[in-house]
Amino acid sequence: MFNTTQKISRRRFMQGLGLLSVGVTLMPQTILGENRQPIQHVIPSSNERIPVIGMGTSRTFNVGYNADILAQLREVLQVFFDNAGAVIDSSPMYGNAEGVVGKLLRTVSNKDRLFAATKVWTYGKRSGIDQMQDSMRSMGVQVMDLMQIHNLRDWKVHLPTLRQWKEEKKIRYIGITTSHGRSHSDLLQIMRAEDLDFVQFTYNIGNRTAEEKLLPLAADRGIATLINRPYQRGALFRSVKGNDLPEWAREFDCQSWGQFFLKFVVSHPAVTCVIPATSKVHHMADNMAANFGRLPSPSMRKRMLQYFERL
C-alpha cells in the first residue's frame, strides 16, 4: 500500500504494480482481492443498471488505421471489457472514432455487456437520419443503446426522430449533451420541458457548476447522467503534480489520483456514469480500478474537496 510520504502519479502507481506491459486486466483483483462486483448505478427511466465507469472516444479514438495504433487501442478496449466496462460514448464529431470503435469491437472478447452510445450532430431531419444510420453502421450495432443530440444542435428537429426511433426499437434511450457551460441554461430548459432518458455534461472536482442546477434537476426529473471531462482534459493531474495522495483514500479503495477524481464524480447521488477517454492501456486499467470497491460517503466527499482545494 502507499503512505503520505510517497509521491504517487498514475504512471508510478502502474509501474509499481508491474502492469505497464503485462497483467493489466488484473489490476482490480490486485487492489480488491476477491471483490469483483462492479459498482453500478440505475438508469431512472428503466431501472436498468450500468457500471459507473465508462469510456469516451473524443480525440483518443480519432486515429488512422495504422496497425500499431489499432493494436494499442484494441488492448485499451480489451482492458475496458475485462474489467466490467460497458458504456462506450462516441460521436460523428470525433472524426473516425466511431469507425475505429466498430472495427475493434469485432476483435475483442467479453463485450456482451456493451452499452453503445453516440450522437447526432448536424442540421436538418434528413441529414440527422442519414448521420445516425452511418453511425450505427460504423459502430457495428443494429440497435443503438443511447442516441444523443450533440451540443443541442438542431434539437427541436432531431428529438421527434429520436422518439420515433425509440418506439421502433432502433434505439433504446434518448438524450441531449453539452460540453459548454454557456449552454447550461438552454439544457436546463429542455430538461424541464422534455422527457429524456439521459443528459450529458461536464462535472469534476475542479468544475462543480453542475452541482448547482443540472445534477439536482436530473435527480428530480429522473434523468440519467453521463459525465464528460472528469479530468478537465488533464488539468486536474497537473494541479496535483508533486502532491501526495492522502492515506485516507484507502478508505474508499482508491490508490491513484485518477481513481480519486473518478470516485469523486460517481459518488454524487445524481451521477449515473462517467466517461473518461484514454488511448493508453495503463491509464485504462487505472480508470477501471475505480469501477470496483467502495465509494466515498458525503462526509468523505467534503474531505476530498477540502484536500484538493488546499493543493
C-alpha atoms as a PDB file:
ATOM      1  CA  MET A   1       0.000   0.000   0.000  1.00  0.00           C
ATOM      2  CA  PHE A   2       1.008   3.640  -0.083  1.00  0.00           C
ATOM      3  CA  ASN A   3       1.582   6.292   2.518  1.00  0.00           C
ATOM      4  CA  THR A   4       1.670  10.056   2.564  1.00  0.00           C
ATOM      5  CA  THR A   5       5.443  10.206   2.217  1.00  0.00           C
ATOM      6  CA  GLN A   6       5.218   8.825  -1.313  1.00  0.00           C
ATOM      7  CA  LYS A   7       4.608  10.899  -4.426  1.00  0.00           C
ATOM      8  CA  ILE A   8       2.119   8.875  -6.457  1.00  0.00           C
ATOM      9  CA  SER A   9       1.273   9.619 -10.074  1.00  0.00           C
ATOM     10  CA  ARG A  10      -0.754   7.476 -12.447  1.00  0.00           C
ATOM     11  CA  ARG A  11       2.354   6.202 -14.165  1.00  0.00           C
ATOM     12  CA  ARG A  12       4.330   5.500 -10.991  1.00  0.00           C
ATOM     13  CA  PHE A  13       1.407   3.628  -9.472  1.00  0.00           C
ATOM     14  CA  MET A  14       1.093   1.395 -12.525  1.00  0.00           C
ATOM     15  CA  GLN A  15       4.841   0.831 -12.682  1.00  0.00           C
ATOM     16  CA  GLY A  16       4.828  -0.162  -9.029  1.00  0.00           C
ATOM     17  CA  LEU A  17       2.303  -2.873  -9.751  1.00  0.00           C
ATOM     18  CA  GLY A  18       4.246  -4.041 -12.786  1.00  0.00           C
ATOM     19  CA  LEU A  19       1.217  -3.620 -15.027  1.00  0.00           C
ATOM     20  CA  LEU A  20       2.512  -1.412 -17.812  1.00  0.00           C
ATOM     21  CA  SER A  21       3.128  -4.257 -20.211  1.00  0.00           C
ATOM     22  CA  VAL A  22       1.612  -7.398 -18.702  1.00  0.00           C
ATOM     23  CA  GLY A  23      -1.277  -8.316 -16.470  1.00  0.00           C
ATOM     24  CA  VAL A  24      -3.128  -5.022 -16.853  1.00  0.00           C
ATOM     25  CA  THR A  25      -6.527  -6.656 -16.781  1.00  0.00           C
ATOM     26  CA  LEU A  26      -5.804  -7.995 -13.312  1.00  0.00           C
ATOM     27  CA  MET A  27      -5.484  -4.577 -11.726  1.00  0.00           C
ATOM     28  CA  PRO A  28      -8.830  -4.556  -9.879  1.00  0.00           C
ATOM     29  CA  GLN A  29      -8.097  -8.015  -8.486  1.00  0.00           C
ATOM     30  CA  THR A  30      -4.720  -6.743  -7.270  1.00  0.00           C
ATOM     31  CA  ILE A  31      -6.376  -3.892  -5.434  1.00  0.00           C
ATOM     32  CA  LEU A  32      -9.547  -5.509  -4.241  1.00  0.00           C
ATOM     33  CA  GLY A  33      -8.852  -9.191  -3.882  1.00  0.00           C
ATOM     34  CA  GLU A  34     -11.997 -11.186  -4.497  1.00  0.00           C
ATOM     35  CA  ASN A  35     -14.297  -8.161  -4.720  1.00  0.00           C
ATOM     36  CA  ARG A  36     -15.051  -8.309  -8.423  1.00  0.00           C
ATOM     37  CA  GLN A  37     -18.559  -6.877  -8.431  1.00  0.00           C
ATOM     38  CA  PRO A  38     -18.537  -3.574 -10.318  1.00  0.00           C
ATOM     39  CA  ILE A  39     -20.234  -0.519  -8.902  1.00  0.00           C
ATOM     40  CA  GLN A  40     -23.459   0.015 -10.822  1.00  0.00           C
ATOM     41  CA  HIS A  41     -25.970   2.835 -10.930  1.00  0.00           C
ATOM     42  CA  VAL A  42     -29.575   2.794 -12.102  1.00  0.00           C
ATOM     43  CA  ILE A  43     -30.965   4.425 -15.249  1.00  0.00           C
ATOM     44  CA  PRO A  44     -34.114   6.006 -13.735  1.00  0.00           C
ATOM     45  CA  SER A  45     -36.353   5.635 -16.791  1.00  0.00           C
ATOM     46  CA  SER A  46     -35.914   1.852 -16.921  1.00  0.00           C
ATOM     47  CA  ASN A  47     -34.229   0.693 -13.676  1.00  0.00           C
ATOM     48  CA  GLU A  48     -31.520  -0.917 -15.801  1.00  0.00           C
ATOM     49  CA  ARG A  49     -28.157  -0.871 -14.043  1.00  0.00           C
ATOM     50  CA  ILE A  50     -24.879   0.084 -15.737  1.00  0.00           C
ATOM     51  CA  PRO A  51     -21.291   0.229 -14.427  1.00  0.00           C
ATOM     52  CA  VAL A  52     -20.265   3.670 -13.234  1.00  0.00           C
ATOM     53  CA  ILE A  53     -17.030   3.818 -15.243  1.00  0.00           C
ATOM     54  CA  GLY A  54     -17.483   4.017 -19.000  1.00  0.00           C
ATOM     55  CA  MET A  55     -15.204   5.367 -21.697  1.00  0.00           C
ATOM     56  CA  GLY A  56     -15.212   8.277 -24.088  1.00  0.00           C
ATOM     57  CA  THR A  57     -13.610   8.333 -27.537  1.00  0.00           C
ATOM     58  CA  SER A  58     -13.106  12.038 -28.222  1.00  0.00           C
ATOM     59  CA  ARG A  59      -9.567  12.573 -29.594  1.00  0.00           C
ATOM     60  CA  THR A  60      -8.315   9.217 -28.291  1.00  0.00           C
ATOM     61  CA  PHE A  61     -10.009   7.027 -30.940  1.00  0.00           C
ATOM     62  CA  ASN A  62      -9.866   9.571 -33.758  1.00  0.00           C
ATOM     63  CA  VAL A  63      -6.820   7.952 -35.319  1.00  0.00           C
ATOM     64  CA  GLY A  64      -5.805   6.463 -38.615  1.00  0.00           C
ATOM     65  CA  TYR A  65      -5.833   2.768 -39.344  1.00  0.00           C
ATOM     66  CA  ASN A  66      -2.154   2.185 -38.636  1.00  0.00           C
ATOM     67  CA  ALA A  67      -1.757  -1.380 -37.407  1.00  0.00           C
ATOM     68  CA  ASP A  68       0.351  -0.482 -34.373  1.00  0.00           C
ATOM     69  CA  ILE A  69      -2.071   2.221 -33.214  1.00  0.00           C
ATOM     70  CA  LEU A  70      -5.046  -0.073 -33.674  1.00  0.00           C
ATOM     71  CA  ALA A  71      -3.289  -2.835 -31.729  1.00  0.00           C
ATOM     72  CA  GLN A  72      -2.765  -0.477 -28.807  1.00  0.00           C
ATOM     73  CA  LEU A  73      -6.378   0.720 -28.874  1.00  0.00           C
ATOM     74  CA  ARG A  74      -7.591  -2.859 -29.119  1.00  0.00           C
ATOM     75  CA  GLU A  75      -5.743  -3.610 -25.876  1.00  0.00           C
ATOM     76  CA  VAL A  76      -7.278  -0.486 -24.303  1.00  0.00           C
ATOM     77  CA  LEU A  77     -10.717  -1.742 -25.292  1.00  0.00           C
ATOM     78  CA  GLN A  78      -9.999  -5.252 -24.042  1.00  0.00           C
ATOM     79  CA  VAL A  79      -8.914  -3.968 -20.622  1.00  0.00           C
ATOM     80  CA  PHE A  80     -12.140  -1.981 -20.503  1.00  0.00           C
ATOM     81  CA  PHE A  81     -14.335  -5.024 -21.120  1.00  0.00           C
ATOM     82  CA  ASP A  82     -12.257  -7.381 -18.977  1.00  0.00           C
ATOM     83  CA  ASN A  83     -12.931  -5.090 -16.030  1.00  0.00           C
ATOM     84  CA  ALA A  84     -16.716  -4.881 -16.378  1.00  0.00           C
ATOM     85  CA  GLY A  85     -16.820  -1.891 -18.703  1.00  0.00           C
ATOM     86  CA  ALA A  86     -19.995  -1.326 -20.691  1.00  0.00           C
ATOM     87  CA  VAL A  87     -20.706   2.268 -21.782  1.00  0.00           C
ATOM     88  CA  ILE A  88     -18.740   3.497 -24.799  1.00  0.00           C
ATOM     89  CA  ASP A  89     -19.615   7.019 -25.896  1.00  0.00           C
ATOM     90  CA  SER A  90     -18.744   8.393 -29.331  1.00  0.00           C
ATOM     91  CA  SER A  91     -19.898  10.937 -31.905  1.00  0.00           C
ATOM     92  CA  PRO A  92     -19.591  11.741 -35.614  1.00  0.00           C
ATOM     93  CA  MET A  93     -17.933  14.928 -34.334  1.00  0.00           C
ATOM     94  CA  TYR A  94     -14.952  12.807 -33.262  1.00  0.00           C
ATOM     95  CA  GLY A  95     -13.556  12.177 -36.727  1.00  0.00           C
ATOM     96  CA  ASN A  96     -13.323   8.450 -37.435  1.00  0.00           C
ATOM     97  CA  ALA A  97     -13.673   7.382 -33.791  1.00  0.00           C
ATOM     98  CA  GLU A  98     -16.950   5.558 -34.425  1.00  0.00           C
ATOM     99  CA  GLY A  99     -15.362   3.550 -37.230  1.00  0.00           C
ATOM    100  CA  VAL A 100     -12.307   2.676 -35.151  1.00  0.00           C
ATOM    101  CA  VAL A 101     -14.524   1.549 -32.272  1.00  0.00           C
ATOM    102  CA  GLY A 102     -16.612  -0.563 -34.633  1.00  0.00           C
ATOM    103  CA  LYS A 103     -13.558  -2.172 -36.216  1.00  0.00           C
ATOM    104  CA  LEU A 104     -12.018  -3.016 -32.855  1.00  0.00           C
ATOM    105  CA  LEU A 105     -15.260  -4.301 -31.344  1.00  0.00           C
ATOM    106  CA  ARG A 106     -15.104  -7.139 -33.851  1.00  0.00           C
ATOM    107  CA  THR A 107     -11.767  -8.245 -32.393  1.00  0.00           C
ATOM    108  CA  VAL A 108     -12.275  -8.164 -28.611  1.00  0.00           C
ATOM    109  CA  SER A 109     -13.853 -10.577 -26.138  1.00  0.00           C
ATOM    110  CA  ASN A 110     -16.115 -10.088 -23.096  1.00  0.00           C
ATOM    111  CA  LYS A 111     -18.075  -7.427 -24.987  1.00  0.00           C
ATOM    112  CA  ASP A 112     -21.556  -8.857 -24.369  1.00  0.00           C
ATOM    113  CA  ARG A 113     -22.294  -6.092 -21.871  1.00  0.00           C
ATOM    114  CA  LEU A 114     -21.590  -3.329 -24.434  1.00  0.00           C
ATOM    115  CA  PHE A 115     -23.761  -0.239 -23.982  1.00  0.00           C
ATOM    116  CA  ALA A 116     -23.158   1.730 -27.190  1.00  0.00           C
ATOM    117  CA  ALA A 117     -23.800   5.466 -27.172  1.00  0.00           C
ATOM    118  CA  THR A 118     -23.302   8.038 -29.879  1.00  0.00           C
ATOM    119  CA  LYS A 119     -24.791  11.311 -31.076  1.00  0.00           C
ATOM    120  CA  VAL A 120     -26.448  13.162 -33.919  1.00  0.00           C
ATOM    121  CA  TRP A 121     -24.536  16.328 -34.777  1.00  0.00           C
ATOM    122  CA  THR A 122     -25.946  18.023 -37.841  1.00  0.00           C
ATOM    123  CA  TYR A 123     -28.775  20.241 -39.066  1.00  0.00           C
ATOM    124  CA  GLY A 124     -31.980  19.013 -40.678  1.00  0.00           C
ATOM    125  CA  LYS A 125     -34.149  15.930 -40.277  1.00  0.00           C
ATOM    126  CA  ARG A 126     -32.923  14.025 -43.329  1.00  0.00           C
ATOM    127  CA  SER A 127     -29.295  14.785 -42.582  1.00  0.00           C
ATOM    128  CA  GLY A 128     -29.830  13.633 -38.999  1.00  0.00           C
ATOM    129  CA  ILE A 129     -31.355  10.343 -40.102  1.00  0.00           C
ATOM    130  CA  ASP A 130     -28.518   9.711 -42.554  1.00  0.00           C
ATOM    131  CA  GLN A 131     -25.908  10.537 -39.932  1.00  0.00           C
ATOM    132  CA  MET A 132     -27.429   8.255 -37.303  1.00  0.00           C
ATOM    133  CA  GLN A 133     -27.645   5.393 -39.791  1.00  0.00           C
ATOM    134  CA  ASP A 134     -23.996   5.936 -40.706  1.00  0.00           C
ATOM    135  CA  SER A 135     -23.039   5.941 -37.022  1.00  0.00           C
ATOM    136  CA  MET A 136     -24.773   2.646 -36.374  1.00  0.00           C
ATOM    137  CA  ARG A 137     -23.068   1.069 -39.369  1.00  0.00           C
ATOM    138  CA  SER A 138     -19.704   2.461 -38.317  1.00  0.00           C
ATOM    139  CA  MET A 139     -20.005   1.162 -34.777  1.00  0.00           C
ATOM    140  CA  GLY A 140     -21.410  -2.141 -35.986  1.00  0.00           C
ATOM    141  CA  VAL A 141     -24.566  -2.137 -33.861  1.00  0.00           C
ATOM    142  CA  GLN A 142     -28.067  -2.993 -35.011  1.00  0.00           C
ATOM    143  CA  VAL A 143     -29.673  -1.238 -32.046  1.00  0.00           C
ATOM    144  CA  MET A 144     -28.020   1.817 -30.523  1.00  0.00           C
ATOM    145  CA  ASP A 145     -28.364   1.782 -26.755  1.00  0.00           C
ATOM    146  CA  LEU A 146     -28.246   5.563 -26.454  1.00  0.00           C
ATOM    147  CA  MET A 147     -28.616   8.231 -29.139  1.00  0.00           C
ATOM    148  CA  GLN A 148     -27.929  11.773 -28.016  1.00  0.00           C
ATOM    149  CA  ILE A 149     -28.307  15.173 -29.632  1.00  0.00           C
ATOM    150  CA  HIS A 150     -24.790  16.578 -29.540  1.00  0.00           C
ATOM    151  CA  ASN A 151     -24.345  20.038 -28.045  1.00  0.00           C
ATOM    152  CA  LEU A 152     -28.078  20.745 -28.509  1.00  0.00           C
ATOM    153  CA  ARG A 153     -27.595  21.107 -32.271  1.00  0.00           C
ATOM    154  CA  ASP A 154     -30.992  21.416 -34.003  1.00  0.00           C
ATOM    155  CA  TRP A 155     -32.540  19.563 -31.074  1.00  0.00           C
ATOM    156  CA  LYS A 156     -36.136  20.553 -31.842  1.00  0.00           C
ATOM    157  CA  VAL A 157     -35.812  18.856 -35.233  1.00  0.00           C
ATOM    158  CA  HIS A 158     -33.962  15.735 -34.057  1.00  0.00           C
ATOM    159  CA  LEU A 159     -35.884  14.966 -30.873  1.00  0.00           C
ATOM    160  CA  PRO A 160     -39.081  13.773 -32.655  1.00  0.00           C
ATOM    161  CA  THR A 161     -36.954  11.462 -34.816  1.00  0.00           C
ATOM    162  CA  LEU A 162     -35.245  10.028 -31.760  1.00  0.00           C
ATOM    163  CA  ARG A 163     -38.604   9.392 -30.135  1.00  0.00           C
ATOM    164  CA  GLN A 164     -39.870   7.644 -33.248  1.00  0.00           C
ATOM    165  CA  TRP A 165     -36.738   5.515 -33.444  1.00  0.00           C
ATOM    166  CA  LYS A 166     -37.149   4.590 -29.801  1.00  0.00           C
ATOM    167  CA  GLU A 167     -40.715   3.448 -30.459  1.00  0.00           C
ATOM    168  CA  GLU A 168     -39.449   1.447 -33.433  1.00  0.00           C
ATOM    169  CA  LYS A 169     -36.737  -0.078 -31.167  1.00  0.00           C
ATOM    170  CA  LYS A 170     -33.888   1.202 -33.299  1.00  0.00           C
ATOM    171  CA  ILE A 171     -32.537   2.907 -30.193  1.00  0.00           C
ATOM    172  CA  ARG A 172     -33.165   2.178 -26.520  1.00  0.00           C
ATOM    173  CA  TYR A 173     -32.600   5.548 -24.869  1.00  0.00           C
ATOM    174  CA  ILE A 174     -32.536   9.185 -25.970  1.00  0.00           C
ATOM    175  CA  GLY A 175     -30.534  12.072 -24.600  1.00  0.00           C
ATOM    176  CA  ILE A 176     -29.011  15.506 -25.115  1.00  0.00           C
ATOM    177  CA  THR A 177     -25.447  16.634 -24.435  1.00  0.00           C
ATOM    178  CA  THR A 178     -23.351  19.703 -23.883  1.00  0.00           C
ATOM    179  CA  SER A 179     -19.720  20.241 -23.067  1.00  0.00           C
ATOM    180  CA  HIS A 180     -20.101  24.005 -22.895  1.00  0.00           C
ATOM    181  CA  GLY A 181     -21.024  25.871 -19.723  1.00  0.00           C
ATOM    182  CA  ARG A 182     -22.626  28.611 -21.820  1.00  0.00           C
ATOM    183  CA  SER A 183     -25.304  26.093 -22.877  1.00  0.00           C
ATOM    184  CA  HIS A 184     -26.355  25.113 -19.354  1.00  0.00           C
ATOM    185  CA  SER A 185     -29.350  27.438 -19.235  1.00  0.00           C
ATOM    186  CA  ASP A 186     -30.678  26.045 -22.522  1.00  0.00           C
ATOM    187  CA  LEU A 187     -30.113  22.485 -21.354  1.00  0.00           C
ATOM    188  CA  LEU A 188     -31.972  23.188 -18.113  1.00  0.00           C
ATOM    189  CA  GLN A 189     -34.992  24.463 -20.064  1.00  0.00           C
ATOM    190  CA  ILE A 190     -35.003  21.332 -22.232  1.00  0.00           C
ATOM    191  CA  MET A 191     -34.703  19.066 -19.191  1.00  0.00           C
ATOM    192  CA  ARG A 192     -37.703  20.757 -17.596  1.00  0.00           C
ATOM    193  CA  ALA A 193     -39.863  20.589 -20.715  1.00  0.00           C
ATOM    194  CA  GLU A 194     -38.945  17.284 -22.407  1.00  0.00           C
ATOM    195  CA  ASP A 195     -38.941  13.626 -21.432  1.00  0.00           C
ATOM    196  CA  LEU A 196     -35.350  12.428 -21.688  1.00  0.00           C
ATOM    197  CA  ASP A 197     -33.580   9.274 -20.600  1.00  0.00           C
ATOM    198  CA  PHE A 198     -30.086  10.803 -20.407  1.00  0.00           C
ATOM    199  CA  VAL A 199     -28.264  14.098 -20.316  1.00  0.00           C
ATOM    200  CA  GLN A 200     -24.519  14.511 -20.701  1.00  0.00           C
ATOM    201  CA  PHE A 201     -22.393  17.370 -19.415  1.00  0.00           C
ATOM    202  CA  THR A 202     -19.106  18.226 -17.706  1.00  0.00           C
ATOM    203  CA  TYR A 203     -18.564  17.690 -13.992  1.00  0.00           C
ATOM    204  CA  ASN A 204     -15.397  17.160 -11.993  1.00  0.00           C
ATOM    205  CA  ILE A 205     -13.801  18.109  -8.686  1.00  0.00           C
ATOM    206  CA  GLY A 206     -12.367  21.262 -10.243  1.00  0.00           C
ATOM    207  CA  ASN A 207     -15.539  22.292 -12.088  1.00  0.00           C
ATOM    208  CA  ARG A 208     -18.594  21.746  -9.925  1.00  0.00           C
ATOM    209  CA  THR A 209     -21.007  24.121 -11.670  1.00  0.00           C
ATOM    210  CA  ALA A 210     -23.270  21.161 -12.458  1.00  0.00           C
ATOM    211  CA  GLU A 211     -23.936  20.705  -8.731  1.00  0.00           C
ATOM    212  CA  GLU A 212     -25.896  23.955  -8.659  1.00  0.00           C
ATOM    213  CA  LYS A 213     -28.765  23.123 -11.032  1.00  0.00           C
ATOM    214  CA  LEU A 214     -28.059  20.386 -13.571  1.00  0.00           C
ATOM    215  CA  LEU A 215     -27.492  17.475 -11.208  1.00  0.00           C
ATOM    216  CA  PRO A 216     -30.368  18.370  -8.848  1.00  0.00           C
ATOM    217  CA  LEU A 217     -32.759  18.773 -11.794  1.00  0.00           C
ATOM    218  CA  ALA A 218     -31.652  15.452 -13.308  1.00  0.00           C
ATOM    219  CA  ALA A 219     -32.405  13.782  -9.977  1.00  0.00           C
ATOM    220  CA  ASP A 220     -35.793  15.485  -9.695  1.00  0.00           C
ATOM    221  CA  ARG A 221     -36.769  14.586 -13.268  1.00  0.00           C
ATOM    222  CA  GLY A 222     -35.458  11.025 -13.160  1.00  0.00           C
ATOM    223  CA  ILE A 223     -32.873  11.582 -15.906  1.00  0.00           C
ATOM    224  CA  ALA A 224     -29.667   9.553 -16.047  1.00  0.00           C
ATOM    225  CA  THR A 225     -26.409  11.487 -16.347  1.00  0.00           C
ATOM    226  CA  LEU A 226     -23.270  10.807 -18.364  1.00  0.00           C
ATOM    227  CA  ILE A 227     -20.341  12.898 -17.195  1.00  0.00           C
ATOM    228  CA  ASN A 228     -17.654  14.046 -19.602  1.00  0.00           C
ATOM    229  CA  ARG A 229     -14.246  15.662 -18.980  1.00  0.00           C
ATOM    230  CA  PRO A 230     -13.790  14.221 -15.464  1.00  0.00           C
ATOM    231  CA  TYR A 231     -10.091  15.176 -15.549  1.00  0.00           C
ATOM    232  CA  GLN A 232     -10.598  18.618 -17.142  1.00  0.00           C
ATOM    233  CA  ARG A 233      -8.609  17.333 -20.108  1.00  0.00           C
ATOM    234  CA  GLY A 234      -5.651  16.569 -17.864  1.00  0.00           C
ATOM    235  CA  ALA A 235      -5.678  19.853 -15.935  1.00  0.00           C
ATOM    236  CA  LEU A 236      -6.541  18.079 -12.666  1.00  0.00           C
ATOM    237  CA  PHE A 237      -3.432  15.909 -12.865  1.00  0.00           C
ATOM    238  CA  ARG A 238      -1.300  18.977 -13.468  1.00  0.00           C
ATOM    239  CA  SER A 239      -2.855  20.676 -10.457  1.00  0.00           C
ATOM    240  CA  VAL A 240      -1.852  17.841  -8.099  1.00  0.00           C
ATOM    241  CA  LYS A 241       1.549  17.126  -9.616  1.00  0.00           C
ATOM    242  CA  GLY A 242       4.122  16.518  -6.888  1.00  0.00           C
ATOM    243  CA  ASN A 243       1.493  16.195  -4.160  1.00  0.00           C
ATOM    244  CA  ASP A 244       0.701  13.155  -2.065  1.00  0.00           C
ATOM    245  CA  LEU A 245      -2.412  11.098  -2.450  1.00  0.00           C
ATOM    246  CA  PRO A 246      -3.853  11.132   1.088  1.00  0.00           C
ATOM    247  CA  GLU A 247      -3.543   7.907   3.043  1.00  0.00           C
ATOM    248  CA  TRP A 248      -7.247   8.032   3.943  1.00  0.00           C
ATOM    249  CA  ALA A 249      -8.096   7.477   0.265  1.00  0.00           C
ATOM    250  CA  ARG A 250      -7.691   3.779   1.084  1.00  0.00           C
ATOM    251  CA  GLU A 251     -10.995   4.026   2.938  1.00  0.00           C
ATOM    252  CA  PHE A 252     -12.797   4.075  -0.417  1.00  0.00           C
ATOM    253  CA  ASP A 253     -10.405   1.726  -2.247  1.00  0.00           C
ATOM    254  CA  CYS A 254      -8.525   4.472  -4.061  1.00  0.00           C
ATOM    255  CA  GLN A 255      -4.858   4.120  -4.973  1.00  0.00           C
ATOM    256  CA  SER A 256      -4.213   6.847  -7.572  1.00  0.00           C
ATOM    257  CA  TRP A 257      -5.172  10.418  -8.335  1.00  0.00           C
ATOM    258  CA  GLY A 258      -7.133   9.207 -11.376  1.00  0.00           C
ATOM    259  CA  GLN A 259      -9.302   6.997  -9.182  1.00  0.00           C
ATOM    260  CA  PHE A 260      -9.629   9.839  -6.678  1.00  0.00           C
ATOM    261  CA  PHE A 261     -11.080  12.133  -9.359  1.00  0.00           C
ATOM    262  CA  LEU A 262     -13.364   9.463 -10.828  1.00  0.00           C
ATOM    263  CA  LYS A 263     -14.740   8.299  -7.491  1.00  0.00           C
ATOM    264  CA  PHE A 264     -15.478  11.881  -6.506  1.00  0.00           C
ATOM    265  CA  VAL A 265     -17.642  12.198  -9.629  1.00  0.00           C
ATOM    266  CA  VAL A 266     -19.525   8.903  -9.425  1.00  0.00           C
ATOM    267  CA  SER A 267     -20.193   9.239  -5.696  1.00  0.00           C
ATOM    268  CA  HIS A 268     -22.512  12.164  -6.387  1.00  0.00           C
ATOM    269  CA  PRO A 269     -26.013  10.676  -5.994  1.00  0.00           C
ATOM    270  CA  ALA A 270     -27.256  12.123  -9.304  1.00  0.00           C
ATOM    271  CA  VAL A 271     -24.358  10.781 -11.410  1.00  0.00           C
ATOM    272  CA  THR A 272     -25.019   7.605 -13.376  1.00  0.00           C
ATOM    273  CA  CYS A 273     -21.787   7.063 -15.298  1.00  0.00           C
ATOM    274  CA  VAL A 274     -18.559   8.892 -16.114  1.00  0.00           C
ATOM    275  CA  ILE A 275     -16.776   8.530 -19.461  1.00  0.00           C
ATOM    276  CA  PRO A 276     -13.033   9.298 -19.242  1.00  0.00           C
ATOM    277  CA  ALA A 277     -11.155   8.980 -22.518  1.00  0.00           C
ATOM    278  CA  THR A 278      -7.713   7.467 -22.942  1.00  0.00           C
ATOM    279  CA  SER A 279      -5.578   5.781 -25.574  1.00  0.00           C
ATOM    280  CA  LYS A 280      -3.140   4.310 -23.051  1.00  0.00           C
ATOM    281  CA  VAL A 281      -3.504   0.788 -21.697  1.00  0.00           C
ATOM    282  CA  HIS A 282      -2.153   1.545 -18.217  1.00  0.00           C
ATOM    283  CA  HIS A 283      -4.446   4.563 -17.880  1.00  0.00           C
ATOM    284  CA  MET A 284      -7.453   2.458 -18.849  1.00  0.00           C
ATOM    285  CA  ALA A 285      -6.504  -0.125 -16.222  1.00  0.00           C
ATOM    286  CA  ASP A 286      -6.213   2.649 -13.660  1.00  0.00           C
ATOM    287  CA  ASN A 287      -9.590   4.084 -14.691  1.00  0.00           C
ATOM    288  CA  MET A 288     -11.270   0.712 -14.426  1.00  0.00           C
ATOM    289  CA  ALA A 289      -9.989   0.151 -10.896  1.00  0.00           C
ATOM    290  CA  ALA A 290     -12.435   2.913  -9.921  1.00  0.00           C
ATOM    291  CA  ASN A 291     -15.219   0.643 -11.196  1.00  0.00           C
ATOM    292  CA  PHE A 292     -14.831  -1.523  -8.083  1.00  0.00           C
ATOM    293  CA  GLY A 293     -14.755  -1.254  -4.322  1.00  0.00           C
ATOM    294  CA  ARG A 294     -16.271   1.396  -2.079  1.00  0.00           C
ATOM    295  CA  LEU A 295     -17.369   4.915  -2.921  1.00  0.00           C
ATOM    296  CA  PRO A 296     -16.705   7.928  -0.705  1.00  0.00           C
ATOM    297  CA  SER A 297     -19.504   8.943   1.668  1.00  0.00           C
ATOM    298  CA  PRO A 298     -20.911  12.508   1.676  1.00  0.00           C
ATOM    299  CA  SER A 299     -18.587  13.424   4.538  1.00  0.00           C
ATOM    300  CA  MET A 300     -15.639  11.880   2.714  1.00  0.00           C
ATOM    301  CA  ARG A 301     -16.521  13.854  -0.416  1.00  0.00           C
ATOM    302  CA  LYS A 302     -16.221  17.045   1.636  1.00  0.00           C
ATOM    303  CA  ARG A 303     -12.856  15.892   2.899  1.00  0.00           C
ATOM    304  CA  MET A 304     -11.704  15.134  -0.662  1.00  0.00           C
ATOM    305  CA  LEU A 305     -12.771  18.565  -1.818  1.00  0.00           C
ATOM    306  CA  GLN A 306     -11.076  20.323   1.084  1.00  0.00           C
ATOM    307  CA  TYR A 307      -7.849  18.419   0.471  1.00  0.00           C
ATOM    308  CA  PHE A 308      -7.913  19.152  -3.259  1.00  0.00           C
ATOM    309  CA  GLU A 309      -8.602  22.847  -2.754  1.00  0.00           C
ATOM    310  CA  ARG A 310      -5.607  23.191  -0.419  1.00  0.00           C
ATOM    311  CA  LEU A 311      -3.197  21.910  -3.044  1.00  0.00           C
END
